[in-house]
Amino acid sequence: MPRMARQQSESGIYHVILRGTNRQSIFHDDIDRMRFLETLKRYKTDNAYQVLGWCLMSNHIHLLLQEDKAVLANIMKRIGVSYVWHYNRKYNVIGHLFQDRYKSEAVEHDAYLLTVIRYIHQNPVKAGIAKRPAEWKWSSCAGYYGDDIFPPGLLDRDLILGMFSKAGNKAEEWFKEFNEAENTDICLDYTGVIRLTDEKAAAEIKNLIAPLSIAKIKNLRKDRRDELLSGIKKIDGITQRQLARILGVSPNLIFKAK
């Protein structure tokens, strides 16, 4: 079946997702994450695009980009090829790192642009790996709050902050209030799946931990238990609260498992 043409954005703004093939991790340490962001900055200079936001998760990446002189497909190709070269060389592997093509959606309206940037920044919170958006240092969130982030010069925040106020301090303050508000935002996601029922979630967990039973997880040695919980948390469609309920442990224990 031929691939469908991507939707072109009249604003030039796109929400982009890159996902590891077979859900594999694409970052194993901070050096990997720094390398990806440095690559994003390097080609930003070459290709003349704006980076409005980002969030690096373990096995997928959210980007909010605005084309200028460059075409999105060319931007993503150069970034992907460069990072994959680094990854394969560092870990002495060959083959594909990213799954298929990147996913993207056009962002045409101001209201949806704000929805997308909040969705991106709250990804770590909703995944249960941070309590507040700015705690996750591998996103653009802290930069919008006026703090220093890595690498300097990557974030282009004026467009979005300008929607809140022309005064810098006020813009940061009002953006933070918006960015941390509880919401039911729905945007392009890398999974495209509905949240699992408890029955389906339990079945997925059983398959992952077999031959161990679910009931025995909470009584395991801490390092072994955290290792299993870390893997279980990556199951598509399962929530942290749901996982705590199924396993009979506290949500805080789930949150702390890395």
Protein backbone atom coordinates (compact mmCIF):
# COMPACT_ATOMS: atom_id res chain seq x y z
CA MET A 1 0.00 0.00 0.00
CA PRO A 2 1.47 3.41 -0.94
CA ARG A 3 2.22 5.82 1.86
CA MET A 4 -0.14 8.74 2.30
CA ALA A 5 1.30 12.18 1.68
CA ARG A 6 2.01 14.17 4.80
CA GLN A 7 -0.25 17.07 5.66
CA GLN A 8 1.47 20.33 4.82
CA SER A 9 1.31 23.14 7.36
CA GLU A 10 0.49 26.64 6.16
CA SER A 11 2.10 28.01 9.33
CA GLY A 12 5.21 25.87 8.79
CA ILE A 13 4.82 24.50 12.33
CA TYR A 14 4.81 20.76 13.02
CA HIS A 15 4.56 18.50 16.03
CA VAL A 16 6.94 15.63 15.25
CA ILE A 17 7.47 12.28 16.96
CA LEU A 18 10.42 9.91 16.48
CA ARG A 19 10.10 6.46 18.02
CA GLY A 20 12.63 3.68 18.57
CA THR A 21 12.08 0.60 16.44
CA ASN A 22 10.31 -2.18 18.36
CA ARG A 23 9.93 0.36 21.19
CA GLN A 24 13.61 0.11 22.00
CA SER A 25 15.38 2.80 23.99
CA ILE A 26 17.10 5.39 21.84
CA PHE A 27 18.90 7.08 24.75
CA HIS A 28 20.96 5.11 27.26
CA ASP A 29 22.70 7.96 29.07
CA ASP A 30 22.95 11.73 29.23
CA ILE A 31 25.70 11.77 26.60
CA ASP A 32 23.23 10.31 24.08
CA ARG A 33 20.64 12.95 24.94
CA MET A 34 23.18 15.75 24.71
CA ARG A 35 24.36 14.44 21.36
CA PHE A 36 20.82 14.48 19.95
CA LEU A 37 20.20 18.05 21.12
CA GLU A 38 23.55 19.20 19.76
CA THR A 39 22.63 17.62 16.42
CA LEU A 40 19.27 19.40 16.48
CA LYS A 41 21.05 22.70 17.07
CA ARG A 42 23.71 22.11 14.40
CA TYR A 43 21.22 21.46 11.64
CA LYS A 44 19.02 24.28 12.85
CA THR A 45 21.86 26.62 11.84
CA ASP A 46 22.36 24.88 8.51
CA ASN A 47 18.72 24.43 7.58
CA ALA A 48 17.23 27.61 9.07
CA TYR A 49 14.36 26.19 11.09
CA GLN A 50 13.01 27.18 14.49
CA VAL A 51 12.90 24.82 17.49
CA LEU A 52 9.84 25.78 19.52
CA GLY A 53 9.99 22.86 21.94
CA TRP A 54 11.15 19.32 22.63
CA CYS A 55 11.01 16.43 25.06
CA LEU A 56 13.34 13.43 25.00
CA MET A 57 11.81 10.29 26.52
CA SER A 58 13.52 6.91 26.75
CA ASN A 59 12.20 5.45 23.51
CA HIS A 60 10.62 8.39 21.71
CA ILE A 61 11.11 12.09 21.05
CA HIS A 62 8.65 14.97 20.75
CA LEU A 63 9.68 18.00 18.71
CA LEU A 64 7.87 21.24 17.87
CA LEU A 65 9.51 22.70 14.77
CA GLN A 66 8.84 25.55 12.39
CA GLU A 67 10.16 25.39 8.85
CA ASP A 68 11.85 28.42 7.39
CA LYS A 69 14.01 27.70 4.37
CA ALA A 70 14.23 23.97 4.98
CA VAL A 71 11.64 21.25 4.31
CA LEU A 72 10.62 19.11 7.29
CA ALA A 73 11.52 15.84 5.54
CA ASN A 74 15.06 17.07 4.88
CA ILE A 75 15.41 18.32 8.44
CA MET A 76 14.35 15.00 9.95
CA LYS A 77 16.50 12.98 7.56
CA ARG A 78 19.68 14.86 8.44
CA ILE A 79 19.00 14.76 12.18
CA GLY A 80 18.12 11.06 12.09
CA VAL A 81 21.10 9.98 10.01
CA SER A 82 23.53 11.91 12.21
CA TYR A 83 22.18 10.55 15.50
CA VAL A 84 21.94 6.96 14.23
CA TRP A 85 25.59 7.16 13.13
CA HIS A 86 26.54 8.22 16.67
CA TYR A 87 24.40 5.50 18.26
CA ASN A 88 25.61 2.64 16.06
CA ARG A 89 29.24 3.65 16.43
CA LYS A 90 29.02 4.08 20.22
CA TYR A 91 27.20 0.80 20.86
CA ASN A 92 28.81 -1.19 18.03
CA VAL A 93 25.49 -2.15 16.42
CA ILE A 94 24.05 -1.93 12.91
CA GLY A 95 20.57 -1.51 11.49
CA HIS A 96 17.62 0.77 12.05
CA LEU A 97 17.19 2.73 15.26
CA PHE A 98 14.01 4.65 14.51
CA GLN A 99 10.73 2.98 13.63
CA ASP A 100 9.56 3.65 10.07
CA ARG A 101 9.15 7.31 9.22
CA TYR A 102 8.70 10.01 11.81
CA LYS A 103 5.12 10.99 12.65
CA SER A 104 4.02 14.58 12.25
CA GLU A 105 0.96 16.78 12.47
CA ALA A 106 0.47 20.29 11.15
CA VAL A 107 -0.14 22.97 13.80
CA GLU A 108 -2.18 25.74 12.22
CA HIS A 109 -3.84 27.66 15.03
CA ASP A 110 -2.54 29.49 18.10
CA ALA A 111 -4.81 27.60 20.49
CA TYR A 112 -3.57 24.23 19.26
CA LEU A 113 0.05 25.43 19.30
CA LEU A 114 -0.33 26.10 23.03
CA THR A 115 -2.00 22.72 23.52
CA VAL A 116 0.89 20.95 21.79
CA ILE A 117 3.66 22.67 23.77
CA ARG A 118 1.90 21.87 27.05
CA TYR A 119 1.32 18.29 25.92
CA ILE A 120 5.02 17.93 25.09
CA HIS A 121 6.18 19.40 28.41
CA GLN A 122 3.75 17.29 30.47
CA ASN A 123 4.82 14.02 28.81
CA PRO A 124 7.22 13.08 31.67
CA VAL A 125 4.58 13.91 34.29
CA LYS A 126 1.94 11.77 32.64
CA ALA A 127 4.49 8.99 32.21
CA GLY A 128 5.17 9.08 35.95
CA ILE A 129 8.86 10.01 35.76
CA ALA A 130 8.52 13.59 37.01
CA LYS A 131 6.18 15.37 39.40
CA ARG A 132 6.34 18.71 37.58
CA PRO A 133 7.23 19.49 33.94
CA ALA A 134 10.40 21.47 34.73
CA GLU A 135 11.86 18.60 36.77
CA TRP A 136 12.57 16.73 33.54
CA LYS A 137 15.73 18.42 32.28
CA TRP A 138 15.51 16.83 28.82
CA SER A 139 12.70 19.05 27.65
CA SER A 140 12.42 22.72 26.71
CA CYS A 141 10.18 23.47 29.72
CA ALA A 142 12.78 25.12 31.98
CA GLY A 143 13.85 27.35 29.11
CA TYR A 144 10.34 28.74 28.88
CA TYR A 145 10.49 29.47 32.61
CA GLY A 146 13.63 31.58 32.11
CA ASP A 147 16.19 29.04 33.36
CA ASP A 148 19.36 27.96 31.58
CA ILE A 149 19.02 24.79 29.53
CA PHE A 150 21.26 22.68 27.32
CA PRO A 151 22.33 23.49 24.69
CA PRO A 152 22.27 27.30 24.78
CA GLY A 153 20.68 28.86 21.72
CA LEU A 154 18.55 25.87 20.71
CA LEU A 155 15.17 27.07 22.00
CA ASP A 156 13.16 29.65 20.05
CA ARG A 157 10.54 30.68 22.59
CA ASP A 158 9.53 34.19 21.51
CA LEU A 159 6.56 33.11 19.35
CA ILE A 160 4.83 31.20 22.14
CA LEU A 161 5.75 33.50 25.03
CA GLY A 162 4.55 36.44 22.95
CA MET A 163 1.04 34.99 23.09
CA PHE A 164 1.01 35.61 26.85
CA SER A 165 2.65 39.02 27.21
CA LYS A 166 5.15 41.34 25.59
CA ALA A 167 6.84 41.71 28.97
CA GLY A 168 9.34 38.88 29.46
CA ASN A 169 8.77 38.22 33.17
CA LYS A 170 5.00 38.32 32.85
CA ALA A 171 5.10 36.07 29.80
CA GLU A 172 7.14 33.45 31.68
CA GLU A 173 4.87 33.66 34.72
CA TRP A 174 1.64 33.28 32.74
CA PHE A 175 3.10 30.60 30.50
CA LYS A 176 4.13 28.57 33.57
CA GLU A 177 0.62 28.81 35.00
CA PHE A 178 -0.82 27.57 31.69
CA ASN A 179 1.85 24.92 31.21
CA GLU A 180 1.26 23.29 34.60
CA ALA A 181 -2.53 23.41 34.58
CA GLU A 182 -4.38 20.09 34.75
CA ASN A 183 -5.78 19.19 31.37
CA THR A 184 -7.19 16.52 29.09
CA ASP A 185 -5.07 17.52 26.09
CA ILE A 186 -4.98 15.04 23.24
CA CYS A 187 -2.37 15.40 20.51
CA LEU A 188 -0.49 13.22 18.08
CA ASP A 189 0.98 10.36 20.09
CA TYR A 190 3.55 7.75 19.23
CA THR A 191 1.40 4.87 20.40
CA GLY A 192 -1.97 5.65 18.91
CA VAL A 193 -3.58 3.26 21.42
CA ILE A 194 -6.43 3.61 23.90
CA ARG A 195 -5.72 3.11 27.61
CA LEU A 196 -5.84 -0.56 28.55
CA THR A 197 -8.55 -2.00 30.79
CA ASP A 198 -7.34 -3.57 34.04
CA GLU A 199 -7.91 -7.03 32.57
CA LYS A 200 -5.86 -6.33 29.45
CA ALA A 201 -3.18 -4.53 31.44
CA ALA A 202 -2.87 -7.51 33.80
CA ALA A 203 -2.55 -9.86 30.84
CA GLU A 204 0.24 -7.71 29.35
CA ILE A 205 2.06 -7.69 32.70
CA LYS A 206 1.76 -11.47 33.06
CA ASN A 207 3.25 -11.98 29.60
CA LEU A 208 6.13 -9.64 30.40
CA ILE A 209 7.11 -11.11 33.78
CA ALA A 210 6.38 -14.82 33.13
CA PRO A 211 6.94 -17.22 34.80
CA LEU A 212 6.77 -14.88 37.82
CA SER A 213 3.26 -14.13 39.12
CA ILE A 214 1.89 -10.61 39.63
CA ALA A 215 1.24 -11.28 43.33
CA LYS A 216 4.93 -11.90 44.01
CA ILE A 217 6.29 -8.65 42.59
CA LYS A 218 5.75 -6.54 45.71
CA ASN A 219 7.75 -8.98 47.84
CA LEU A 220 10.82 -9.05 45.61
CA ARG A 221 14.17 -7.56 46.58
CA LYS A 222 14.07 -3.82 45.82
CA ASP A 223 16.57 -3.84 42.95
CA ARG A 224 14.81 -6.76 41.21
CA ARG A 225 11.36 -5.24 41.83
CA ASP A 226 12.41 -1.85 40.44
CA GLU A 227 13.91 -3.54 37.40
CA LEU A 228 10.60 -5.24 36.65
CA LEU A 229 8.54 -2.13 37.36
CA SER A 230 10.71 -0.10 35.01
CA GLY A 231 9.92 -2.52 32.20
CA ILE A 232 6.22 -2.76 33.04
CA LYS A 233 5.85 1.04 33.00
CA LYS A 234 6.79 0.99 29.31
CA ILE A 235 3.74 -1.05 28.33
CA ASP A 236 1.63 1.05 25.95
CA GLY A 237 -1.71 2.14 27.39
CA ILE A 238 -1.06 1.44 31.07
CA THR A 239 -1.19 4.22 33.68
CA GLN A 240 0.84 4.59 36.86
CA ARG A 241 -2.23 4.56 39.10
CA GLN A 242 -3.62 1.53 37.28
CA LEU A 243 -0.31 -0.29 37.65
CA ALA A 244 -0.24 0.38 41.40
CA ARG A 245 -3.78 -0.95 41.71
CA ILE A 246 -3.05 -4.15 39.79
CA LEU A 247 0.19 -4.90 41.64
CA GLY A 248 -1.11 -3.92 45.07
CA VAL A 249 1.63 -1.36 45.75
CA SER A 250 1.69 2.38 46.35
CA PRO A 251 1.76 4.80 43.36
CA ASN A 252 4.85 6.39 44.94
CA LEU A 253 6.73 3.09 44.68
CA ILE A 254 5.83 2.90 40.98
CA PHE A 255 6.94 6.48 40.46
CA LYS A 256 10.34 5.93 42.08
CA ALA A 257 11.16 2.81 40.01
CA LYS A 258 13.59 3.89 37.26
